[in-house]
N, C-alpha and C. Protein backbone atom coordinates (compact mmCIF):
# COMPACT_ATOMS: atom_id res chain seq x y z
N MET A 1 4.20 18.85 4.83
CA MET A 1 4.95 18.71 3.63
C MET A 1 5.84 17.48 3.73
N VAL A 2 5.94 16.76 2.61
CA VAL A 2 6.82 15.60 2.55
C VAL A 2 7.93 15.94 1.56
N ARG A 3 9.16 15.59 1.94
CA ARG A 3 10.33 15.85 1.09
C ARG A 3 11.08 14.54 0.80
N LYS A 4 11.74 14.50 -0.32
CA LYS A 4 12.58 13.38 -0.68
C LYS A 4 13.99 13.62 -0.08
N VAL A 5 14.42 12.72 0.79
CA VAL A 5 15.71 12.89 1.47
C VAL A 5 16.50 11.56 1.45
N LEU A 6 17.78 11.68 1.76
CA LEU A 6 18.62 10.50 1.78
C LEU A 6 18.20 9.55 2.91
N HIS A 7 17.95 8.30 2.55
CA HIS A 7 17.65 7.28 3.52
C HIS A 7 18.92 6.50 3.91
N SER A 8 19.67 6.09 2.86
CA SER A 8 20.89 5.32 3.10
C SER A 8 21.78 5.39 1.85
N LYS A 9 23.03 4.94 2.06
CA LYS A 9 24.00 5.05 0.92
C LYS A 9 25.01 3.92 1.05
N ILE A 10 25.41 3.37 -0.09
CA ILE A 10 26.55 2.45 -0.14
C ILE A 10 27.62 3.20 -0.92
N HIS A 11 28.71 3.54 -0.23
CA HIS A 11 29.73 4.44 -0.77
C HIS A 11 30.96 3.69 -1.24
N GLN A 12 31.30 3.87 -2.55
CA GLN A 12 32.47 3.30 -3.15
C GLN A 12 32.41 1.77 -3.32
N ALA A 13 31.24 1.24 -3.65
CA ALA A 13 31.12 -0.17 -3.98
C ALA A 13 31.79 -0.39 -5.35
N VAL A 14 32.27 -1.60 -5.58
CA VAL A 14 32.95 -1.90 -6.83
C VAL A 14 32.02 -2.78 -7.65
N VAL A 15 31.81 -2.36 -8.91
CA VAL A 15 30.97 -3.12 -9.84
C VAL A 15 31.65 -4.46 -10.12
N THR A 16 30.92 -5.54 -9.93
CA THR A 16 31.47 -6.89 -10.18
C THR A 16 31.07 -7.44 -11.53
N GLU A 17 29.92 -6.95 -12.06
CA GLU A 17 29.47 -7.40 -13.38
C GLU A 17 28.60 -6.36 -14.00
N ALA A 18 28.60 -6.33 -15.33
CA ALA A 18 27.72 -5.47 -16.12
C ALA A 18 27.11 -6.35 -17.21
N ARG A 19 25.74 -6.50 -17.12
CA ARG A 19 25.06 -7.41 -18.00
C ARG A 19 23.96 -6.71 -18.77
N PRO A 20 24.27 -6.17 -19.98
CA PRO A 20 23.26 -5.46 -20.74
C PRO A 20 22.10 -6.37 -21.23
N ASP A 21 22.33 -7.66 -21.27
CA ASP A 21 21.29 -8.59 -21.74
C ASP A 21 20.31 -8.99 -20.64
N TYR A 22 20.56 -8.56 -19.40
CA TYR A 22 19.74 -8.93 -18.27
C TYR A 22 18.63 -7.89 -18.04
N GLN A 23 17.54 -8.35 -17.47
CA GLN A 23 16.48 -7.40 -17.12
C GLN A 23 17.07 -6.30 -16.23
N GLY A 24 16.50 -5.12 -16.34
CA GLY A 24 17.06 -3.97 -15.63
C GLY A 24 17.08 -4.10 -14.12
N SER A 25 17.95 -3.41 -13.47
CA SER A 25 18.08 -3.29 -12.04
C SER A 25 19.54 -3.25 -11.63
N LEU A 26 19.78 -3.09 -10.35
CA LEU A 26 21.13 -3.19 -9.81
C LEU A 26 21.09 -4.30 -8.77
N THR A 27 21.83 -5.38 -9.03
CA THR A 27 21.91 -6.52 -8.11
C THR A 27 22.89 -6.19 -7.04
N ILE A 28 22.45 -6.28 -5.77
CA ILE A 28 23.27 -5.96 -4.60
C ILE A 28 23.20 -7.12 -3.63
N ASP A 29 24.36 -7.57 -3.13
CA ASP A 29 24.45 -8.60 -2.12
C ASP A 29 23.44 -8.33 -1.05
N SER A 30 22.59 -9.30 -0.74
CA SER A 30 21.49 -9.06 0.24
C SER A 30 21.99 -8.76 1.63
N GLU A 31 23.20 -9.17 2.00
CA GLU A 31 23.74 -8.79 3.28
C GLU A 31 24.00 -7.29 3.37
N LEU A 32 24.42 -6.68 2.25
CA LEU A 32 24.61 -5.22 2.21
C LEU A 32 23.28 -4.51 2.32
N LEU A 33 22.24 -5.06 1.66
CA LEU A 33 20.92 -4.45 1.74
C LEU A 33 20.45 -4.45 3.20
N ASP A 34 20.61 -5.57 3.90
CA ASP A 34 20.21 -5.67 5.30
C ASP A 34 20.98 -4.64 6.16
N ALA A 35 22.26 -4.47 5.86
CA ALA A 35 23.13 -3.61 6.67
C ALA A 35 22.74 -2.14 6.57
N CYS A 36 22.20 -1.74 5.41
CA CYS A 36 21.90 -0.31 5.25
C CYS A 36 20.40 -0.01 5.21
N GLY A 37 19.56 -1.01 5.14
CA GLY A 37 18.11 -0.78 5.12
C GLY A 37 17.49 -0.64 3.77
N MET A 38 18.21 -0.91 2.69
CA MET A 38 17.61 -0.90 1.39
C MET A 38 16.83 -2.20 1.23
N ARG A 39 15.83 -2.19 0.30
CA ARG A 39 15.01 -3.40 0.07
C ARG A 39 14.90 -3.67 -1.44
N PRO A 40 14.68 -4.93 -1.82
CA PRO A 40 14.42 -5.18 -3.22
C PRO A 40 13.27 -4.31 -3.73
N SER A 41 13.42 -3.86 -4.94
CA SER A 41 12.49 -2.98 -5.66
C SER A 41 12.53 -1.51 -5.23
N ASP A 42 13.28 -1.14 -4.17
CA ASP A 42 13.44 0.26 -3.83
C ASP A 42 14.12 1.01 -4.97
N ALA A 43 13.66 2.23 -5.19
CA ALA A 43 14.29 3.11 -6.22
C ALA A 43 15.62 3.63 -5.66
N ILE A 44 16.64 3.65 -6.54
CA ILE A 44 17.94 4.14 -6.19
C ILE A 44 18.53 4.99 -7.29
N LEU A 45 19.49 5.82 -6.92
CA LEU A 45 20.30 6.60 -7.89
C LEU A 45 21.70 6.08 -7.76
N VAL A 46 22.33 5.80 -8.90
CA VAL A 46 23.70 5.29 -8.91
C VAL A 46 24.61 6.33 -9.57
N ALA A 47 25.70 6.63 -8.90
CA ALA A 47 26.68 7.56 -9.45
C ALA A 47 28.02 6.78 -9.71
N ASN A 48 28.49 6.82 -10.93
CA ASN A 48 29.72 6.14 -11.29
C ASN A 48 30.88 7.09 -11.01
N CYS A 49 31.73 6.74 -10.07
CA CYS A 49 32.86 7.61 -9.66
C CYS A 49 33.96 7.68 -10.74
N GLU A 50 33.95 6.74 -11.64
CA GLU A 50 34.98 6.72 -12.70
C GLU A 50 34.59 7.59 -13.88
N THR A 51 33.30 7.59 -14.23
CA THR A 51 32.88 8.29 -15.47
C THR A 51 32.01 9.50 -15.20
N GLY A 52 31.46 9.60 -13.99
CA GLY A 52 30.50 10.67 -13.69
C GLY A 52 29.08 10.32 -14.11
N ALA A 53 28.87 9.23 -14.79
CA ALA A 53 27.51 8.84 -15.21
C ALA A 53 26.63 8.62 -13.98
N ARG A 54 25.37 9.03 -14.11
CA ARG A 54 24.38 8.78 -13.05
C ARG A 54 23.15 8.14 -13.72
N PHE A 55 22.56 7.23 -13.00
CA PHE A 55 21.35 6.62 -13.53
C PHE A 55 20.48 6.18 -12.38
N GLU A 56 19.16 6.17 -12.64
CA GLU A 56 18.18 5.71 -11.67
C GLU A 56 17.73 4.32 -12.05
N THR A 57 17.57 3.43 -11.07
CA THR A 57 17.09 2.12 -11.29
C THR A 57 16.45 1.62 -9.98
N TYR A 58 16.40 0.29 -9.85
CA TYR A 58 15.79 -0.29 -8.63
C TYR A 58 16.67 -1.41 -8.15
N VAL A 59 16.47 -1.81 -6.89
CA VAL A 59 17.29 -2.83 -6.24
C VAL A 59 16.78 -4.21 -6.57
N PHE A 60 17.72 -5.12 -6.84
CA PHE A 60 17.45 -6.55 -7.00
C PHE A 60 18.37 -7.22 -5.97
N SER A 61 17.83 -8.15 -5.21
CA SER A 61 18.59 -8.82 -4.14
C SER A 61 19.52 -9.89 -4.73
N GLY A 62 20.81 -9.82 -4.34
CA GLY A 62 21.78 -10.80 -4.78
C GLY A 62 22.12 -11.81 -3.71
N THR A 63 22.87 -12.81 -4.07
CA THR A 63 23.28 -13.88 -3.15
C THR A 63 23.99 -13.34 -1.93
N PRO A 64 23.51 -13.69 -0.71
CA PRO A 64 24.16 -13.21 0.52
C PRO A 64 25.64 -13.61 0.55
N GLY A 65 26.49 -12.65 0.96
CA GLY A 65 27.91 -12.92 1.09
C GLY A 65 28.69 -12.97 -0.20
N SER A 66 28.04 -12.74 -1.32
CA SER A 66 28.71 -12.86 -2.66
C SER A 66 29.50 -11.58 -2.99
N GLY A 67 29.13 -10.45 -2.37
CA GLY A 67 29.78 -9.20 -2.73
C GLY A 67 29.32 -8.65 -4.07
N ILE A 68 28.31 -9.25 -4.65
CA ILE A 68 27.88 -8.83 -5.99
C ILE A 68 27.35 -7.39 -5.99
N ILE A 69 27.79 -6.65 -6.96
CA ILE A 69 27.21 -5.35 -7.35
C ILE A 69 27.13 -5.44 -8.87
N GLY A 70 25.95 -5.84 -9.35
CA GLY A 70 25.79 -6.09 -10.77
C GLY A 70 24.90 -5.07 -11.41
N VAL A 71 25.43 -4.41 -12.41
CA VAL A 71 24.67 -3.41 -13.18
C VAL A 71 24.01 -4.14 -14.36
N ASN A 72 22.71 -4.04 -14.45
CA ASN A 72 21.96 -4.84 -15.43
C ASN A 72 21.19 -3.96 -16.43
N GLY A 73 20.81 -4.57 -17.54
CA GLY A 73 20.01 -3.86 -18.55
C GLY A 73 20.77 -2.72 -19.20
N ALA A 74 20.01 -1.73 -19.64
CA ALA A 74 20.59 -0.61 -20.35
C ALA A 74 21.66 0.12 -19.52
N ALA A 75 21.49 0.15 -18.22
CA ALA A 75 22.49 0.81 -17.37
C ALA A 75 23.84 0.17 -17.42
N ALA A 76 23.90 -1.11 -17.83
CA ALA A 76 25.21 -1.81 -17.94
C ALA A 76 26.13 -1.12 -18.93
N HIS A 77 25.61 -0.28 -19.79
CA HIS A 77 26.44 0.47 -20.71
C HIS A 77 27.06 1.71 -20.02
N LEU A 78 26.68 1.95 -18.77
CA LEU A 78 27.18 3.13 -18.01
C LEU A 78 28.17 2.73 -16.94
N ALA A 79 28.51 1.46 -16.83
CA ALA A 79 29.47 1.01 -15.81
C ALA A 79 30.17 -0.26 -16.28
N ASP A 80 31.41 -0.39 -15.87
CA ASP A 80 32.18 -1.58 -16.20
C ASP A 80 32.64 -2.25 -14.91
N PRO A 81 32.86 -3.55 -14.95
CA PRO A 81 33.43 -4.18 -13.77
C PRO A 81 34.72 -3.48 -13.32
N GLY A 82 34.82 -3.26 -12.02
CA GLY A 82 35.97 -2.55 -11.47
C GLY A 82 35.66 -1.09 -11.17
N ASP A 83 34.62 -0.53 -11.81
CA ASP A 83 34.23 0.87 -11.52
C ASP A 83 33.75 0.99 -10.10
N ARG A 84 34.09 2.08 -9.45
CA ARG A 84 33.54 2.41 -8.11
C ARG A 84 32.27 3.20 -8.30
N ILE A 85 31.24 2.83 -7.52
CA ILE A 85 29.98 3.54 -7.60
C ILE A 85 29.44 3.94 -6.21
N ILE A 86 28.57 4.90 -6.21
CA ILE A 86 27.89 5.31 -4.99
C ILE A 86 26.41 5.04 -5.25
N ILE A 87 25.77 4.31 -4.32
CA ILE A 87 24.39 3.93 -4.47
C ILE A 87 23.59 4.73 -3.43
N LEU A 88 22.68 5.58 -3.91
CA LEU A 88 21.91 6.48 -3.03
C LEU A 88 20.47 6.04 -3.00
N HIS A 89 19.94 5.90 -1.80
CA HIS A 89 18.55 5.44 -1.60
C HIS A 89 17.78 6.56 -0.90
N TRP A 90 16.60 6.86 -1.41
CA TRP A 90 15.78 7.98 -0.92
C TRP A 90 14.59 7.50 -0.10
N ALA A 91 14.07 8.39 0.70
CA ALA A 91 12.82 8.17 1.40
C ALA A 91 12.07 9.51 1.41
N HIS A 92 10.74 9.39 1.47
CA HIS A 92 9.88 10.60 1.55
C HIS A 92 9.49 10.75 3.02
N MET A 93 9.84 11.91 3.61
CA MET A 93 9.62 12.13 5.04
C MET A 93 9.00 13.48 5.29
N THR A 94 8.27 13.54 6.38
CA THR A 94 7.79 14.84 6.87
C THR A 94 8.97 15.51 7.61
N ASP A 95 8.81 16.78 7.91
CA ASP A 95 9.88 17.47 8.64
C ASP A 95 10.11 16.82 9.98
N GLU A 96 9.06 16.37 10.64
CA GLU A 96 9.22 15.70 11.93
C GLU A 96 10.01 14.39 11.81
N GLU A 97 9.68 13.59 10.80
CA GLU A 97 10.42 12.34 10.58
C GLU A 97 11.88 12.65 10.23
N TYR A 98 12.11 13.67 9.49
CA TYR A 98 13.46 14.03 9.04
C TYR A 98 14.33 14.37 10.25
N THR A 99 13.82 15.05 11.22
CA THR A 99 14.62 15.45 12.38
C THR A 99 15.04 14.26 13.22
N ARG A 100 14.35 13.13 13.10
CA ARG A 100 14.69 11.92 13.84
C ARG A 100 15.52 10.92 13.00
N HIS A 101 15.58 11.11 11.74
CA HIS A 101 16.20 10.12 10.84
C HIS A 101 17.70 10.34 10.75
N LEU A 102 18.46 9.25 10.89
CA LEU A 102 19.91 9.29 10.69
C LEU A 102 20.26 8.40 9.52
N PRO A 103 20.60 8.96 8.35
CA PRO A 103 20.97 8.13 7.23
C PRO A 103 22.10 7.18 7.55
N ARG A 104 21.97 5.96 7.09
CA ARG A 104 23.01 4.91 7.33
C ARG A 104 23.87 4.80 6.07
N VAL A 105 25.17 4.86 6.26
CA VAL A 105 26.10 4.83 5.13
C VAL A 105 27.08 3.67 5.33
N LEU A 106 27.18 2.83 4.31
CA LEU A 106 28.19 1.78 4.30
C LEU A 106 29.39 2.28 3.52
N LEU A 107 30.56 2.31 4.17
CA LEU A 107 31.82 2.65 3.52
C LEU A 107 32.47 1.34 3.13
N MET A 108 32.72 1.14 1.88
CA MET A 108 33.08 -0.19 1.36
C MET A 108 34.60 -0.38 1.14
N ASN A 109 35.03 -1.63 1.29
CA ASN A 109 36.36 -2.07 0.89
C ASN A 109 36.33 -2.44 -0.59
N GLU A 110 37.50 -2.65 -1.16
CA GLU A 110 37.59 -2.98 -2.58
C GLU A 110 36.92 -4.32 -2.92
N ASP A 111 36.78 -5.21 -1.94
CA ASP A 111 36.13 -6.51 -2.18
C ASP A 111 34.68 -6.50 -1.86
N ASN A 112 34.11 -5.31 -1.73
CA ASN A 112 32.68 -5.12 -1.41
C ASN A 112 32.28 -5.67 -0.07
N THR A 113 33.23 -5.73 0.86
CA THR A 113 32.89 -5.96 2.24
C THR A 113 32.79 -4.55 2.91
N ILE A 114 32.12 -4.50 4.03
CA ILE A 114 31.90 -3.25 4.72
C ILE A 114 33.12 -2.87 5.55
N ARG A 115 33.77 -1.74 5.26
CA ARG A 115 34.88 -1.26 6.05
C ARG A 115 34.37 -0.60 7.33
N GLU A 116 33.26 0.17 7.15
CA GLU A 116 32.71 0.90 8.30
C GLU A 116 31.24 1.24 8.00
N THR A 117 30.42 1.27 9.01
CA THR A 117 29.06 1.74 8.91
C THR A 117 28.94 2.98 9.77
N ILE A 118 28.44 4.01 9.14
CA ILE A 118 28.27 5.27 9.89
C ILE A 118 26.84 5.79 9.72
N THR A 119 26.44 6.60 10.69
CA THR A 119 25.21 7.39 10.53
C THR A 119 25.63 8.79 10.82
N TYR A 120 24.86 9.71 10.32
CA TYR A 120 25.18 11.12 10.60
C TYR A 120 23.88 11.87 10.72
N ASP A 121 24.00 12.96 11.47
CA ASP A 121 22.86 13.84 11.69
C ASP A 121 22.86 14.89 10.62
N PRO A 122 21.94 14.82 9.65
CA PRO A 122 21.96 15.80 8.55
C PRO A 122 21.49 17.19 9.00
N CYS A 123 20.88 17.30 10.15
CA CYS A 123 20.38 18.60 10.59
C CYS A 123 20.62 18.76 12.08
N PRO A 124 21.86 18.87 12.55
CA PRO A 124 22.14 18.95 13.98
C PRO A 124 21.48 20.14 14.66
N ALA A 125 21.25 21.21 13.96
CA ALA A 125 20.63 22.37 14.56
C ALA A 125 19.17 22.13 14.88
N MET A 126 18.53 21.14 14.20
CA MET A 126 17.13 20.85 14.43
C MET A 126 16.88 19.80 15.49
N SER A 127 17.98 19.08 15.90
CA SER A 127 17.87 18.00 16.88
C SER A 127 17.62 18.49 18.27
């Protein structure tokens, strides 16, 4: 059996731009992508901590070191610059893969730099 599970997360990133006229996606600083293991075109779920809005989209790679978190296309109506968001990235894994996987989480500062990187064991009883 294969299940959809958390691969990685960017926690409390701050939206830097919202562009409804731009092609869809979420633009993320490529250094943040490298730090957590997300890739361009990966499917993600975004949760807006200010409004509770949630939307699914895909990753677009932004300029390294820019701190950009840009909400594009129709989703730009669901977030404003300054909103804090959580970006969740999924993977499909077998039970065996799941027991070895440690989701990587970036805890963000207000300027979209990484405050801390953590991993956690989602199933310590199975390890």
